[in-house]
Amino acid sequence: MTQSSSAATPVENITLFRAIDLIAIGTVFYGILASGLLQGPDAFPLGQNIYDEYYLAILAGHLDLPARVVQIEGHYTADGTAYLYHGVGPLVTRFLLGWFWPFQSVGLAQLSIWAWACLGTLCYHAAFLKVCAKDLGQLGSRGLSLSRLLGIAIWFSSPGFLLAANTSFYHEPIALAYAATGAFVLIWTHVGFGNWPFWRTAIPCALLAAVTLHARPNIAIGLYLACTLCLLVLTFSSFRQNWLRIALAFAILGASGVGYLGLNVARFGDATQTHGSFAKTEVQYGFVYWGFEETDSERAEAFKKHGKFNIRRIPHNFTLYAFDPPMVKTYLDPVSEQFHAFTKRVLAGDLGFIKVEQPYAGIVFLWPLWLLFACYAATATKATWRKMTIPVLGGLTIALLTLSYGSVTLRYRIDMWPALSLLALIGLAALVPKFATSPEKAGWKWGIGACFMVGLLMSANSAGQLRFFQVNEQTKPVWTMDQCRLLTENKGFSEADTLRICQPPRIGG
């Protein structure tokens, strides 16, 4: 009996429900990570309380935060008023749950990041299963096993795993954007590989783009582009049937954009100003304002001369994001440093300072399975590419914006996941039929197995390092009054100003 005939009994339908136990394990494990149980009793991820304080400040009629709360992450006006430049999107969970949540004893950041990480991963799980369920079903029990291995890879070798490992306030907007892009990818999967009509994407994708604008604007740009292209296609192909839908979608995108500009005016007095600067202007970065970094530092000079975003950084940043040696053992750290120095010298020698933040892990090590699937996208049919061109263009726009920025971090790799996952979906759709028609000849199986194992190990390693990233004695919930007073005195503020600037936090104050 051949291998093909032994697996000839088809499974009637491989659905997400068949993986309910795997999904439960993933959500519980994400919960353990997000709870901080593995970090130690005294650990406090940087700024974990900031969005809770922000919510309570808004309820009290303020968009500013006390310096003791926002610390160097604030963007300060000349009189010491501190604003958070990060998006207000993560406040969604506070407005949903804040009316009964005991903020004085339990913060919402951990639950918020956990929920968005789980929701995003669930959407990606559903999307990948949608692409391959029919063909895997033809392999009988073996196909079911492969679908479960795919689910394991999605839950434990994808961004959700990394997001849950650290609940600093940096991860809140990224987690929300991850969930939004997961839903975006799932919607387009039903268009490209299902029976959804094109017009069905318009309003839900506009809503996702609108929300993402207030979490990660660089990701929102890609989603706005995809939505706009979709609406333009509908306008020229079926305007009479879909004019109301097109108008509503454009209204949603426009309202979110107006709200974003309005928040900039309310915080910084200028619709086009989204953050402070290194220079002594009306709004200044907190780490410069309080003297932790000079106005003419290497980073400040690089941003001044080359901008925050510069396409000339793309080759350098792409090389690091893709191939950076992972931090497996401390004795390998010099290898990473030498790789960084060589890459900088060859690809960005004249672009000034580019921040490269630990922990290190190139995508070829972190997500090799998805990269392998993405490479196979080149073999997809023209019909598939026609249907998926718009979301892929949106994902690639997000990736290019991220690659052009003046910093390289592990969390920014998550911003490139939409492009990678969309290409991986297309590639998987082209690859899976080969397993269904001739599994014994599938020469990919050993490579796929190796990528599967490497991805799990490297993701676990990176998540383990993220547990303690920006979790130390310096990242306390608030500055003490004495710490804040010392800083204001060094700035020459009066006692009355000090009391105004160094107001106690609303939680635990």
Foldseek 3Di string as FASTA:
>chain_A
DDLQVVQQDFDPWQAVVVCVVVLVVLLVVLLCLLVLPVQDDQWDFFLLCVLVLCLVQVVVPDQWDFCQFCPLQFKAFPLQTTHHLAFNLLCVVCVVPVVPDPLQVDGCLSVQLSVLLSLLLSLLLRLLCLLQTVLLRSRHPVSNVVNNLVSCCSSQQAVSLQLSNGRHVLSNLLSNLSNLLSNLSSVLSCQLRHDDDLLVSQASLLLSLLSNCRRPVLLSVLSVQLNVVSLVCCCVPPCVVCVVSSVNSVVSNVVSLVVQLVVCCVPPVGSPDSGAALDNDRIHRSCNLLPVDDSPDQVRVLCVVQNQFHLLQQVLLLCQQAPQDFCPDPVCVVVNVVVNVVSCVPRPVPRTAAAEDDDGDHCCQQQVLLQVLLVQLVVFDPSSCVSLVSQLSSLVSSVSRLSRGRYHYPSSSNSNVSNSSSSSSSSCSVQSNCCSPPVVPNPCVVVSVVSSVSNSVRSVVRSVVNSCVSTDPVNDSTDDLVVQVVSVVVVVDDPVSSCVSNPDRPHPD
